[in-house]
Amino acid sequence: MRRSAKIGGLIGLLCLTTMGGCSSRKPLQEQAEQFFSLPLDGSISVENGDGALRVVGWYETRVRLATLRKAYTAARLRQIGVVTKAWANALAVRTEVLPARGFFADRSGTLEIHHQRA
């Protein structure tokens, strides 16, 4: 029983040490912006599996899509993205966050999407 308590304590200490190291660093950030033509009666569909989303609309015939990706490593930042598909009267936006593999894999990262009729 004592041995399992020691192992559990060591695992707990390892987890706290690992989490503490991540929280003290600022995440890397990458911003992007795209514009799409879209008629006033056009539609926007969003599939957002992870992150924040803000939509603003008004009477203009184009859409501004701004994204802000955040992660603690450059490798993880590259695994977070936005896929868009535009047609004459529709825009589809989908977030894509690749799953992290492995016990100690970097699972950090968020994605903010801001799109508005601009």
PDB file of N, CA and C in Angstrom:
ATOM      1  N   MET A   1       0.818  -1.188   0.000  1.00  0.00           N
ATOM      2  CA  MET A   1       0.000   0.000   0.000  1.00  0.00           C
ATOM      3  C   MET A   1       0.861   1.249   0.000  1.00  0.00           C
ATOM      4  N   ARG A   2       1.945   1.255   0.775  1.00  0.00           N
ATOM      5  CA  ARG A   2       2.822   2.422   0.820  1.00  0.00           C
ATOM      6  C   ARG A   2       3.482   2.672  -0.526  1.00  0.00           C
ATOM      7  N   ARG A   3       3.865   1.598  -1.208  1.00  0.00           N
ATOM      8  CA  ARG A   3       4.527   1.751  -2.500  1.00  0.00           C
ATOM      9  C   ARG A   3       3.589   2.414  -3.510  1.00  0.00           C
ATOM     10  N   SER A   4       2.325   1.986  -3.543  1.00  0.00           N
ATOM     11  CA  SER A   4       1.386   2.590  -4.483  1.00  0.00           C
ATOM     12  C   SER A   4       1.116   4.048  -4.120  1.00  0.00           C
ATOM     13  N   ALA A   5       1.127   4.379  -2.839  1.00  0.00           N
ATOM     14  CA  ALA A   5       0.933   5.775  -2.426  1.00  0.00           C
ATOM     15  C   ALA A   5       2.112   6.630  -2.894  1.00  0.00           C
ATOM     16  N   LYS A   6       3.329   6.093  -2.804  1.00  0.00           N
ATOM     17  CA  LYS A   6       4.514   6.833  -3.260  1.00  0.00           C
ATOM     18  C   LYS A   6       4.464   7.057  -4.771  1.00  0.00           C
ATOM     19  N   ILE A   7       4.078   6.008  -5.502  1.00  0.00           N
ATOM     20  CA  ILE A   7       3.983   6.127  -6.966  1.00  0.00           C
ATOM     21  C   ILE A   7       2.913   7.146  -7.333  1.00  0.00           C
ATOM     22  N   GLY A   8       1.766   7.086  -6.652  1.00  0.00           N
ATOM     23  CA  GLY A   8       0.701   8.057  -6.903  1.00  0.00           C
ATOM     24  C   GLY A   8       1.156   9.479  -6.598  1.00  0.00           C
ATOM     25  N   GLY A   9       1.905   9.642  -5.517  1.00  0.00           N
ATOM     26  CA  GLY A   9       2.425  10.956  -5.160  1.00  0.00           C
ATOM     27  C   GLY A   9       3.400  11.480  -6.198  1.00  0.00           C
ATOM     28  N   LEU A  10       4.264  10.600  -6.707  1.00  0.00           N
ATOM     29  CA  LEU A  10       5.221  11.009  -7.739  1.00  0.00           C
ATOM     30  C   LEU A  10       4.498  11.403  -9.031  1.00  0.00           C
ATOM     31  N   ILE A  11       3.470  10.648  -9.395  1.00  0.00           N
ATOM     32  CA  ILE A  11       2.698  10.981 -10.597  1.00  0.00           C
ATOM     33  C   ILE A  11       2.000  12.326 -10.408  1.00  0.00           C
ATOM     34  N   GLY A  12       1.419  12.545  -9.233  1.00  0.00           N
ATOM     35  CA  GLY A  12       0.767  13.820  -8.946  1.00  0.00           C
ATOM     36  C   GLY A  12       1.740  14.986  -9.013  1.00  0.00           C
ATOM     37  N   LEU A  13       2.930  14.807  -8.448  1.00  0.00           N
ATOM     38  CA  LEU A  13       3.955  15.850  -8.487  1.00  0.00           C
ATOM     39  C   LEU A  13       4.384  16.126  -9.922  1.00  0.00           C
ATOM     40  N   LEU A  14       4.535  15.086 -10.714  1.00  0.00           N
ATOM     41  CA  LEU A  14       4.892  15.246 -12.124  1.00  0.00           C
ATOM     42  C   LEU A  14       3.822  16.043 -12.863  1.00  0.00           C
ATOM     43  N   CYS A  15       2.558  15.731 -12.601  1.00  0.00           N
ATOM     44  CA  CYS A  15       1.456  16.458 -13.256  1.00  0.00           C
ATOM     45  C   CYS A  15       1.463  17.923 -12.867  1.00  0.00           C
ATOM     46  N   LEU A  16       1.641  18.226 -11.592  1.00  0.00           N
ATOM     47  CA  LEU A  16       1.672  19.620 -11.147  1.00  0.00           C
ATOM     48  C   LEU A  16       2.860  20.363 -11.735  1.00  0.00           C
ATOM     49  N   THR A  17       3.992  19.711 -11.785  1.00  0.00           N
ATOM     50  CA  THR A  17       5.183  20.334 -12.361  1.00  0.00           C
ATOM     51  C   THR A  17       4.977  20.625 -13.833  1.00  0.00           C
ATOM     52  N   THR A  18       4.402  19.683 -14.562  1.00  0.00           N
ATOM     53  CA  THR A  18       4.165  19.861 -15.991  1.00  0.00           C
ATOM     54  C   THR A  18       3.153  20.967 -16.242  1.00  0.00           C
ATOM     55  N   MET A  19       2.056  20.978 -15.497  1.00  0.00           N
ATOM     56  CA  MET A  19       1.033  22.002 -15.689  1.00  0.00           C
ATOM     57  C   MET A  19       1.564  23.374 -15.308  1.00  0.00           C
ATOM     58  N   GLY A  20       2.350  23.447 -14.261  1.00  0.00           N
ATOM     59  CA  GLY A  20       2.901  24.725 -13.834  1.00  0.00           C
ATOM     60  C   GLY A  20       3.828  25.313 -14.875  1.00  0.00           C
ATOM     61  N   GLY A  21       4.584  24.468 -15.564  1.00  0.00           N
ATOM     62  CA  GLY A  21       5.487  24.955 -16.607  1.00  0.00           C
ATOM     63  C   GLY A  21       4.733  25.527 -17.776  1.00  0.00           C
ATOM     64  N   CYS A  22       3.615  24.915 -18.141  1.00  0.00           N
ATOM     65  CA  CYS A  22       2.822  25.386 -19.269  1.00  0.00           C
ATOM     66  C   CYS A  22       2.131  26.701 -18.959  1.00  0.00           C
ATOM     67  N   SER A  23       1.611  26.837 -17.746  1.00  0.00           N
ATOM     68  CA  SER A  23       0.832  28.023 -17.436  1.00  0.00           C
ATOM     69  C   SER A  23       1.705  29.265 -17.293  1.00  0.00           C
ATOM     70  N   SER A  24       2.986  29.118 -17.036  1.00  0.00           N
ATOM     71  CA  SER A  24       3.834  30.285 -16.861  1.00  0.00           C
ATOM     72  C   SER A  24       4.324  30.852 -18.195  1.00  0.00           C
ATOM     73  N   ARG A  25       4.184  30.108 -19.267  1.00  0.00           N
ATOM     74  CA  ARG A  25       4.600  30.591 -20.584  1.00  0.00           C
ATOM     75  C   ARG A  25       3.427  31.217 -21.304  1.00  0.00           C
ATOM     76  N   LYS A  26       3.704  32.195 -22.135  1.00  0.00           N
ATOM     77  CA  LYS A  26       2.665  32.770 -22.979  1.00  0.00           C
ATOM     78  C   LYS A  26       2.566  31.941 -24.248  1.00  0.00           C
ATOM     79  N   PRO A  27       1.357  31.722 -24.725  1.00  0.00           N
ATOM     80  CA  PRO A  27       1.213  30.921 -25.939  1.00  0.00           C
ATOM     81  C   PRO A  27       1.680  31.689 -27.181  1.00  0.00           C
ATOM     82  N   LEU A  28       2.086  30.931 -28.179  1.00  0.00           N
ATOM     83  CA  LEU A  28       2.385  31.516 -29.482  1.00  0.00           C
ATOM     84  C   LEU A  28       1.056  31.877 -30.123  1.00  0.00           C
ATOM     85  N   GLN A  29       1.044  32.906 -30.956  1.00  0.00           N
ATOM     86  CA  GLN A  29      -0.184  33.328 -31.621  1.00  0.00           C
ATOM     87  C   GLN A  29       0.085  33.588 -33.085  1.00  0.00           C
ATOM     88  N   GLU A  30      -0.906  33.280 -33.906  1.00  0.00           N
ATOM     89  CA  GLU A  30      -0.816  33.588 -35.327  1.00  0.00           C
ATOM     90  C   GLU A  30      -2.177  34.061 -35.820  1.00  0.00           C
ATOM     91  N   GLN A  31      -2.204  35.250 -36.417  1.00  0.00           N
ATOM     92  CA  GLN A  31      -3.440  35.825 -36.932  1.00  0.00           C
ATOM     93  C   GLN A  31      -3.464  35.741 -38.445  1.00  0.00           C
ATOM     94  N   ALA A  32      -4.666  35.617 -38.994  1.00  0.00           N
ATOM     95  CA  ALA A  32      -4.852  35.610 -40.447  1.00  0.00           C
ATOM     96  C   ALA A  32      -6.177  36.286 -40.765  1.00  0.00           C
ATOM     97  N   GLU A  33      -6.300  36.755 -41.994  1.00  0.00           N
ATOM     98  CA  GLU A  33      -7.513  37.440 -42.418  1.00  0.00           C
ATOM     99  C   GLU A  33      -7.773  37.110 -43.878  1.00  0.00           C
ATOM    100  N   GLN A  34      -9.030  36.800 -44.207  1.00  0.00           N
ATOM    101  CA  GLN A  34      -9.433  36.516 -45.584  1.00  0.00           C
ATOM    102  C   GLN A  34     -10.734  37.257 -45.864  1.00  0.00           C
ATOM    103  N   PHE A  35     -10.964  37.585 -47.143  1.00  0.00           N
ATOM    104  CA  PHE A  35     -12.203  38.227 -47.556  1.00  0.00           C
ATOM    105  C   PHE A  35     -12.865  37.366 -48.628  1.00  0.00           C
ATOM    106  N   PHE A  36     -14.195  37.271 -48.570  1.00  0.00           N
ATOM    107  CA  PHE A  36     -14.969  36.481 -49.514  1.00  0.00           C
ATOM    108  C   PHE A  36     -16.148  37.312 -49.996  1.00  0.00           C
ATOM    109  N   SER A  37     -16.440  37.249 -51.290  1.00  0.00           N
ATOM    110  CA  SER A  37     -17.651  37.874 -51.824  1.00  0.00           C
ATOM    111  C   SER A  37     -18.842  37.011 -51.444  1.00  0.00           C
ATOM    112  N   LEU A  38     -19.929  37.666 -51.027  1.00  0.00           N
ATOM    113  CA  LEU A  38     -21.126  36.943 -50.649  1.00  0.00           C
ATOM    114  C   LEU A  38     -22.318  37.879 -50.800  1.00  0.00           C
ATOM    115  N   PRO A  39     -23.326  37.497 -51.602  1.00  0.00           N
ATOM    116  CA  PRO A  39     -24.495  38.363 -51.760  1.00  0.00           C
ATOM    117  C   PRO A  39     -25.252  38.511 -50.435  1.00  0.00           C
ATOM    118  N   LEU A  40     -26.072  39.555 -50.345  1.00  0.00           N
ATOM    119  CA  LEU A  40     -26.814  39.816 -49.111  1.00  0.00           C
ATOM    120  C   LEU A  40     -27.719  38.662 -48.715  1.00  0.00           C
ATOM    121  N   ASP A  41     -28.222  37.894 -49.664  1.00  0.00           N
ATOM    122  CA  ASP A  41     -29.070  36.754 -49.333  1.00  0.00           C
ATOM    123  C   ASP A  41     -28.274  35.445 -49.270  1.00  0.00           C
ATOM    124  N   GLY A  42     -26.949  35.542 -49.262  1.00  0.00           N
ATOM    125  CA  GLY A  42     -26.096  34.351 -49.171  1.00  0.00           C
ATOM    126  C   GLY A  42     -26.103  33.765 -47.769  1.00  0.00           C
ATOM    127  N   SER A  43     -25.528  32.587 -47.639  1.00  0.00           N
ATOM    128  CA  SER A  43     -25.508  31.920 -46.330  1.00  0.00           C
ATOM    129  C   SER A  43     -24.084  31.589 -45.910  1.00  0.00           C
ATOM    130  N   ILE A  44     -23.904  31.523 -44.602  1.00  0.00           N
ATOM    131  CA  ILE A  44     -22.627  31.139 -44.002  1.00  0.00           C
ATOM    132  C   ILE A  44     -22.902  29.948 -43.099  1.00  0.00           C
ATOM    133  N   SER A  45     -22.156  28.871 -43.288  1.00  0.00           N
ATOM    134  CA  SER A  45     -22.269  27.732 -42.380  1.00  0.00           C
ATOM    135  C   SER A  45     -20.934  27.566 -41.667  1.00  0.00           C
ATOM    136  N   VAL A  46     -21.016  27.222 -40.392  1.00  0.00           N
ATOM    137  CA  VAL A  46     -19.819  27.099 -39.560  1.00  0.00           C
ATOM    138  C   VAL A  46     -19.859  25.774 -38.835  1.00  0.00           C
ATOM    139  N   GLU A  47     -18.752  25.049 -38.896  1.00  0.00           N
ATOM    140  CA  GLU A  47     -18.567  23.837 -38.105  1.00  0.00           C
ATOM    141  C   GLU A  47     -17.367  24.112 -37.221  1.00  0.00           C
ATOM    142  N   ASN A  48     -17.628  24.358 -35.942  1.00  0.00           N
ATOM    143  CA  ASN A  48     -16.579  24.787 -35.031  1.00  0.00           C
ATOM    144  C   ASN A  48     -16.405  23.752 -33.937  1.00  0.00           C
ATOM    145  N   GLY A  49     -15.407  22.900 -34.070  1.00  0.00           N
ATOM    146  CA  GLY A  49     -15.161  21.856 -33.084  1.00  0.00           C
ATOM    147  C   GLY A  49     -14.396  22.324 -31.872  1.00  0.00           C
ATOM    148  N   ASP A  50     -13.709  23.445 -31.974  1.00  0.00           N
ATOM    149  CA  ASP A  50     -12.902  23.923 -30.864  1.00  0.00           C
ATOM    150  C   ASP A  50     -12.667  25.412 -31.044  1.00  0.00           C
ATOM    151  N   GLY A  51     -12.739  26.151 -29.976  1.00  0.00           N
ATOM    152  CA  GLY A  51     -12.403  27.564 -30.035  1.00  0.00           C
ATOM    153  C   GLY A  51     -13.605  28.470 -29.895  1.00  0.00           C
ATOM    154  N   ALA A  52     -13.354  29.754 -30.100  1.00  0.00           N
ATOM    155  CA  ALA A  52     -14.384  30.780 -29.944  1.00  0.00           C
ATOM    156  C   ALA A  52     -14.823  31.269 -31.316  1.00  0.00           C
ATOM    157  N   LEU A  53     -16.050  31.759 -31.381  1.00  0.00           N
ATOM    158  CA  LEU A  53     -16.611  32.218 -32.645  1.00  0.00           C
ATOM    159  C   LEU A  53     -17.419  33.477 -32.389  1.00  0.00           C
ATOM    160  N   ARG A  54     -17.192  34.511 -33.204  1.00  0.00           N
ATOM    161  CA  ARG A  54     -17.962  35.741 -33.108  1.00  0.00           C
ATOM    162  C   ARG A  54     -18.427  36.118 -34.506  1.00  0.00           C
ATOM    163  N   VAL A  55     -19.711  36.381 -34.661  1.00  0.00           N
ATOM    164  CA  VAL A  55     -20.287  36.724 -35.959  1.00  0.00           C
ATOM    165  C   VAL A  55     -20.928  38.105 -35.849  1.00  0.00           C
ATOM    166  N   VAL A  56     -20.632  38.975 -36.812  1.00  0.00           N
ATOM    167  CA  VAL A  56     -21.226  40.309 -36.882  1.00  0.00           C
ATOM    168  C   VAL A  56     -21.731  40.482 -38.308  1.00  0.00           C
ATOM    169  N   GLY A  57     -22.919  41.019 -38.483  1.00  0.00           N
ATOM    170  CA  GLY A  57     -23.448  41.163 -39.837  1.00  0.00           C
ATOM    171  C   GLY A  57     -24.016  42.545 -40.115  1.00  0.00           C
ATOM    172  N   TRP A  58     -24.004  42.953 -41.376  1.00  0.00           N
ATOM    173  CA  TRP A  58     -24.638  44.175 -41.851  1.00  0.00           C
ATOM    174  C   TRP A  58     -24.765  44.102 -43.353  1.00  0.00           C
ATOM    175  N   TYR A  59     -25.264  45.134 -43.996  1.00  0.00           N
ATOM    176  CA  TYR A  59     -25.586  45.115 -45.429  1.00  0.00           C
ATOM    177  C   TYR A  59     -24.372  45.432 -46.292  1.00  0.00           C
ATOM    178  N   GLU A  60     -23.544  44.462 -46.528  1.00  0.00           N
ATOM    179  CA  GLU A  60     -22.419  44.546 -47.456  1.00  0.00           C
ATOM    180  C   GLU A  60     -22.336  43.221 -48.200  1.00  0.00           C
ATOM    181  N   THR A  61     -21.664  43.208 -49.339  1.00  0.00           N
ATOM    182  CA  THR A  61     -21.618  41.987 -50.158  1.00  0.00           C
ATOM    183  C   THR A  61     -20.283  41.255 -50.056  1.00  0.00           C
ATOM    184  N   ARG A  62     -19.676  41.317 -48.902  1.00  0.00           N
ATOM    185  CA  ARG A  62     -18.464  40.532 -48.672  1.00  0.00           C
ATOM    186  C   ARG A  62     -18.363  40.152 -47.205  1.00  0.00           C
ATOM    187  N   VAL A  63     -17.548  39.139 -46.947  1.00  0.00           N
ATOM    188  CA  VAL A  63     -17.356  38.614 -45.605  1.00  0.00           C
ATOM    189  C   VAL A  63     -15.876  38.732 -45.262  1.00  0.00           C
ATOM    190  N   ARG A  64     -15.600  39.201 -44.069  1.00  0.00           N
ATOM    191  CA  ARG A  64     -14.225  39.240 -43.540  1.00  0.00           C
ATOM    192  C   ARG A  64     -14.117  38.109 -42.523  1.00  0.00           C
ATOM    193  N   LEU A  65     -13.164  37.207 -42.743  1.00  0.00           N
ATOM    194  CA  LEU A  65     -12.927  36.082 -41.843  1.00  0.00           C
ATOM    195  C   LEU A  65     -11.563  36.281 -41.195  1.00  0.00           C
ATOM    196  N   ALA A  66     -11.556  36.545 -39.899  1.00  0.00           N
ATOM    197  CA  ALA A  66     -10.301  36.737 -39.166  1.00  0.00           C
ATOM    198  C   ALA A  66     -10.134  35.583 -38.189  1.00  0.00           C
ATOM    199  N   THR A  67      -8.948  35.025 -38.126  1.00  0.00           N
ATOM    200  CA  THR A  67      -8.681  33.909 -37.217  1.00  0.00           C
ATOM    201  C   THR A  67      -7.488  34.240 -36.326  1.00  0.00           C
ATOM    202  N   LEU A  68      -7.525  33.710 -35.123  1.00  0.00           N
ATOM    203  CA  LEU A  68      -6.417  33.839 -34.186  1.00  0.00           C
ATOM    204  C   LEU A  68      -6.163  32.456 -33.604  1.00  0.00           C
ATOM    205  N   ARG A  69      -5.013  31.881 -33.952  1.00  0.00           N
ATOM    206  CA  ARG A  69      -4.641  30.553 -33.449  1.00  0.00           C
ATOM    207  C   ARG A  69      -3.648  30.734 -32.321  1.00  0.00           C
ATOM    208  N   LYS A  70      -3.789  29.915 -31.264  1.00  0.00           N
ATOM    209  CA  LYS A  70      -2.883  29.977 -30.119  1.00  0.00           C
ATOM    210  C   LYS A  70      -2.471  28.564 -29.729  1.00  0.00           C
ATOM    211  N   ALA A  71      -1.198  28.399 -29.381  1.00  0.00           N
ATOM    212  CA  ALA A  71      -0.687  27.124 -28.867  1.00  0.00           C
ATOM    213  C   ALA A  71       0.652  27.398 -28.193  1.00  0.00           C
ATOM    214  N   TYR A  72       1.118  26.449 -27.397  1.00  0.00           N
ATOM    215  CA  TYR A  72       2.377  26.630 -26.676  1.00  0.00           C
ATOM    216  C   TYR A  72       3.603  26.211 -27.472  1.00  0.00           C
ATOM    217  N   THR A  73       3.419  25.466 -28.575  1.00  0.00           N
ATOM    218  CA  THR A  73       4.558  25.093 -29.412  1.00  0.00           C
ATOM    219  C   THR A  73       4.222  25.372 -30.869  1.00  0.00           C
ATOM    220  N   ALA A  74       5.239  25.621 -31.673  1.00  0.00           N
ATOM    221  CA  ALA A  74       5.043  25.883 -33.104  1.00  0.00           C
ATOM    222  C   ALA A  74       4.453  24.651 -33.801  1.00  0.00           C
ATOM    223  N   ALA A  75       4.872  23.475 -33.387  1.00  0.00           N
ATOM    224  CA  ALA A  75       4.350  22.250 -33.997  1.00  0.00           C
ATOM    225  C   ALA A  75       2.846  22.131 -33.761  1.00  0.00           C
ATOM    226  N   ARG A  76       2.401  22.428 -32.554  1.00  0.00           N
ATOM    227  CA  ARG A  76       0.970  22.347 -32.257  1.00  0.00           C
ATOM    228  C   ARG A  76       0.202  23.456 -32.977  1.00  0.00           C
ATOM    229  N   LEU A  77       0.801  24.612 -33.110  1.00  0.00           N
ATOM    230  CA  LEU A  77       0.159  25.718 -33.820  1.00  0.00           C
ATOM    231  C   LEU A  77      -0.149  25.334 -35.268  1.00  0.00           C
ATOM    232  N   ARG A  78       0.769  24.585 -35.888  1.00  0.00           N
ATOM    233  CA  ARG A  78       0.566  24.130 -37.268  1.00  0.00           C
ATOM    234  C   ARG A  78      -0.555  23.095 -37.380  1.00  0.00           C
ATOM    235  N   GLN A  79      -0.941  22.462 -36.277  1.00  0.00           N
ATOM    236  CA  GLN A  79      -1.994  21.452 -36.294  1.00  0.00           C
ATOM    237  C   GLN A  79      -3.385  22.048 -36.106  1.00  0.00           C
ATOM    238  N   ILE A  80      -3.465  23.356 -35.990  1.00  0.00           N
ATOM    239  CA  ILE A  80      -4.736  24.049 -35.784  1.00  0.00           C
ATOM    240  C   ILE A  80      -5.000  24.901 -37.015  1.00  0.00           C
ATOM    241  N   GLY A  81      -6.171  24.755 -37.613  1.00  0.00           N
ATOM    242  CA  GLY A  81      -6.427  25.521 -38.824  1.00  0.00           C
ATOM    243  C   GLY A  81      -7.899  25.722 -39.115  1.00  0.00           C
ATOM    244  N   VAL A  82      -8.144  26.457 -40.183  1.00  0.00           N
ATOM    245  CA  VAL A  82      -9.488  26.751 -40.649  1.00  0.00           C
ATOM    246  C   VAL A  82      -9.557  26.362 -42.118  1.00  0.00           C
ATOM    247  N   VAL A  83     -10.585  25.627 -42.478  1.00  0.00           N
ATOM    248  CA  VAL A  83     -10.809  25.233 -43.866  1.00  0.00           C
ATOM    249  C   VAL A  83     -12.038  25.993 -44.354  1.00  0.00           C
ATOM    250  N   THR A  84     -11.900  26.671 -45.496  1.00  0.00           N
ATOM    251  CA  THR A  84     -13.025  27.426 -46.052  1.00  0.00           C
ATOM    252  C   THR A  84     -13.348  26.915 -47.449  1.00  0.00           C
ATOM    253  N   LYS A  85     -14.612  27.028 -47.798  1.00  0.00           N
ATOM    254  CA  LYS A  85     -15.054  26.694 -49.140  1.00  0.00           C
ATOM    255  C   LYS A  85     -16.097  27.734 -49.528  1.00  0.00           C
ATOM    256  N   ALA A  86     -15.852  28.430 -50.634  1.00  0.00           N
ATOM    257  CA  ALA A  86     -16.739  29.513 -51.050  1.00  0.00           C
ATOM    258  C   ALA A  86     -17.418  29.167 -52.370  1.00  0.00           C
ATOM    259  N   TRP A  87     -18.705  29.478 -52.441  1.00  0.00           N
ATOM    260  CA  TRP A  87     -19.486  29.366 -53.663  1.00  0.00           C
ATOM    261  C   TRP A  87     -20.039  30.751 -53.971  1.00  0.00           C
ATOM    262  N   ALA A  88     -20.786  30.883 -55.049  1.00  0.00           N
ATOM    263  CA  ALA A  88     -21.344  32.182 -55.433  1.00  0.00           C
ATOM    264  C   ALA A  88     -22.284  32.744 -54.365  1.00  0.00           C
ATOM    265  N   ASN A  89     -23.029  31.877 -53.672  1.00  0.00           N
ATOM    266  CA  ASN A  89     -24.007  32.374 -52.702  1.00  0.00           C
ATOM    267  C   ASN A  89     -23.864  31.742 -51.314  1.00  0.00           C
ATOM    268  N   ALA A  90     -22.706  31.129 -51.019  1.00  0.00           N
ATOM    269  CA  ALA A  90     -22.526  30.486 -49.717  1.00  0.00           C
ATOM    270  C   ALA A  90     -21.048  30.425 -49.344  1.00  0.00           C
ATOM    271  N   LEU A  91     -20.810  30.388 -48.045  1.00  0.00           N
ATOM    272  CA  LEU A  91     -19.465  30.231 -47.507  1.00  0.00           C
ATOM    273  C   LEU A  91     -19.538  29.200 -46.390  1.00  0.00           C
ATOM    274  N   ALA A  92     -18.663  28.203 -46.448  1.00  0.00           N
ATOM    275  CA  ALA A  92     -18.573  27.194 -45.400  1.00  0.00           C
ATOM    276  C   ALA A  92     -17.234  27.358 -44.689  1.00  0.00           C
ATOM    277  N   VAL A  93     -17.276  27.372 -43.361  1.00  0.00           N
ATOM    278  CA  VAL A  93     -16.080  27.539 -42.541  1.00  0.00           C
ATOM    279  C   VAL A  93     -16.039  26.374 -41.561  1.00  0.00           C
ATOM    280  N   ARG A  94     -14.889  25.699 -41.488  1.00  0.00           N
ATOM    281  CA  ARG A  94     -14.739  24.563 -40.574  1.00  0.00           C
ATOM    282  C   ARG A  94     -13.405  24.672 -39.849  1.00  0.00           C
ATOM    283  N   THR A  95     -13.429  24.553 -38.525  1.00  0.00           N
ATOM    284  CA  THR A  95     -12.180  24.525 -37.772  1.00  0.00           C
ATOM    285  C   THR A  95     -11.616  23.112 -37.800  1.00  0.00           C
ATOM    286  N   GLU A  96     -10.311  23.037 -37.766  1.00  0.00           N
ATOM    287  CA  GLU A  96      -9.637  21.740 -37.823  1.00  0.00           C
ATOM    288  C   GLU A  96      -8.506  21.741 -36.796  1.00  0.00           C
ATOM    289  N   VAL A  97      -8.671  20.936 -35.755  1.00  0.00           N
ATOM    290  CA  VAL A  97      -7.641  20.781 -34.735  1.00  0.00           C
ATOM    291  C   VAL A  97      -7.272  19.309 -34.709  1.00  0.00           C
ATOM    292  N   LEU A  98      -6.079  18.994 -35.186  1.00  0.00           N
ATOM    293  CA  LEU A  98      -5.659  17.591 -35.239  1.00  0.00           C
ATOM    294  C   LEU A  98      -5.462  17.055 -33.829  1.00  0.00           C
ATOM    295  N   PRO A  99      -5.868  15.823 -33.572  1.00  0.00           N
ATOM    296  CA  PRO A  99      -5.714  15.263 -32.228  1.00  0.00           C
ATOM    297  C   PRO A  99      -4.243  15.044 -31.896  1.00  0.00           C
ATOM    298  N   ALA A 100      -3.910  15.268 -30.638  1.00  0.00           N
ATOM    299  CA  ALA A 100      -2.546  15.021 -30.168  1.00  0.00           C
ATOM    300  C   ALA A 100      -2.415  13.546 -29.827  1.00  0.00           C
ATOM    301  N   ARG A 101      -1.296  12.959 -30.149  1.00  0.00           N
ATOM    302  CA  ARG A 101      -1.074  11.539 -29.911  1.00  0.00           C
ATOM    303  C   ARG A 101       0.062  11.369 -28.887  1.00  0.00           C
ATOM    304  N   GLY A 102      -0.092  10.387 -28.025  1.00  0.00           N
ATOM    305  CA  GLY A 102       0.948  10.084 -27.054  1.00  0.00           C
ATOM    306  C   GLY A 102       0.614  10.638 -25.677  1.00  0.00           C
ATOM    307  N   PHE A 103       1.192  10.027 -24.669  1.00  0.00           N
ATOM    308  CA  PHE A 103       0.902  10.385 -23.285  1.00  0.00           C
ATOM    309  C   PHE A 103       1.363  11.792 -22.939  1.00  0.00           C
ATOM    310  N   PHE A 104       2.537  12.196 -23.410  1.00  0.00           N
ATOM    311  CA  PHE A 104       3.071  13.516 -23.090  1.00  0.00           C
ATOM    312  C   PHE A 104       2.923  14.484 -24.257  1.00  0.00           C
ATOM    313  N   ALA A 105       2.018  14.218 -25.186  1.00  0.00           N
ATOM    314  CA  ALA A 105       1.833  15.070 -26.368  1.00  0.00           C
ATOM    315  C   ALA A 105       1.290  16.438 -25.970  1.00  0.00           C
ATOM    316  N   ASP A 106       1.633  17.432 -26.749  1.00  0.00           N
ATOM    317  CA  ASP A 106       1.158  18.797 -26.542  1.00  0.00           C
ATOM    318  C   ASP A 106      -0.293  18.878 -27.000  1.00  0.00           C
ATOM    319  N   ARG A 107      -1.206  19.070 -26.074  1.00  0.00           N
ATOM    320  CA  ARG A 107      -2.628  19.170 -26.392  1.00  0.00           C
ATOM    321  C   ARG A 107      -3.129  20.608 -26.289  1.00  0.00           C
ATOM    322  N   SER A 108      -2.199  21.545 -26.212  1.00  0.00           N
ATOM    323  CA  SER A 108      -2.587  22.942 -26.081  1.00  0.00           C
ATOM    324  C   SER A 108      -3.169  23.451 -27.385  1.00  0.00           C
ATOM    325  N   GLY A 109      -3.768  24.606 -27.317  1.00  0.00           N
ATOM    326  CA  GLY A 109      -4.200  25.262 -28.529  1.00  0.00           C
ATOM    327  C   GLY A 109      -5.664  25.652 -28.534  1.00  0.00           C
ATOM    328  N   THR A 110      -5.914  26.835 -29.078  1.00  0.00           N
ATOM    329  CA  THR A 110      -7.274  27.311 -29.278  1.00  0.00           C
ATOM    330  C   THR A 110      -7.338  28.033 -30.617  1.00  0.00           C
ATOM    331  N   LEU A 111      -8.541  28.276 -31.051  1.00  0.00           N
ATOM    332  CA  LEU A 111      -8.760  28.951 -32.322  1.00  0.00           C
ATOM    333  C   LEU A 111      -9.934  29.896 -32.151  1.00  0.00           C
ATOM    334  N   GLU A 112      -9.737  31.162 -32.479  1.00  0.00           N
ATOM    335  CA  GLU A 112     -10.822  32.131 -32.453  1.00  0.00           C
ATOM    336  C   GLU A 112     -11.133  32.516 -33.884  1.00  0.00           C
ATOM    337  N   ILE A 113     -12.409  32.514 -34.219  1.00  0.00           N
ATOM    338  CA  ILE A 113     -12.845  32.914 -35.561  1.00  0.00           C
ATOM    339  C   ILE A 113     -13.751  34.127 -35.418  1.00  0.00           C
ATOM    340  N   HIS A 114     -13.457  35.156 -36.161  1.00  0.00           N
ATOM    341  CA  HIS A 114     -14.300  36.350 -36.210  1.00  0.00           C
ATOM    342  C   HIS A 114     -14.668  36.560 -37.657  1.00  0.00           C
ATOM    343  N   HIS A 115     -15.934  36.422 -37.996  1.00  0.00           N
ATOM    344  CA  HIS A 115     -16.301  36.727 -39.376  1.00  0.00           C
ATOM    345  C   HIS A 115     -17.477  37.696 -39.372  1.00  0.00           C
ATOM    346  N   GLN A 116     -17.410  38.594 -40.312  1.00  0.00           N
ATOM    347  CA  GLN A 116     -18.434  39.617 -40.401  1.00  0.00           C
ATOM    348  C   GLN A 116     -18.620  40.004 -41.843  1.00  0.00           C
ATOM    349  N   ARG A 117     -19.788  40.472 -42.155  1.00  0.00           N
ATOM    350  CA  ARG A 117     -20.030  41.026 -43.481  1.00  0.00           C
ATOM    351  C   ARG A 117     -19.374  42.390 -43.475  1.00  0.00           C
ATOM    352  N   ALA A 118     -18.349  42.547 -44.286  1.00  0.00           N
ATOM    353  CA  ALA A 118     -17.597  43.803 -44.240  1.00  0.00           C
ATOM    354  C   ALA A 118     -17.777  44.604 -45.490  1.00  0.00           C
TER     355      ALA A 118
END
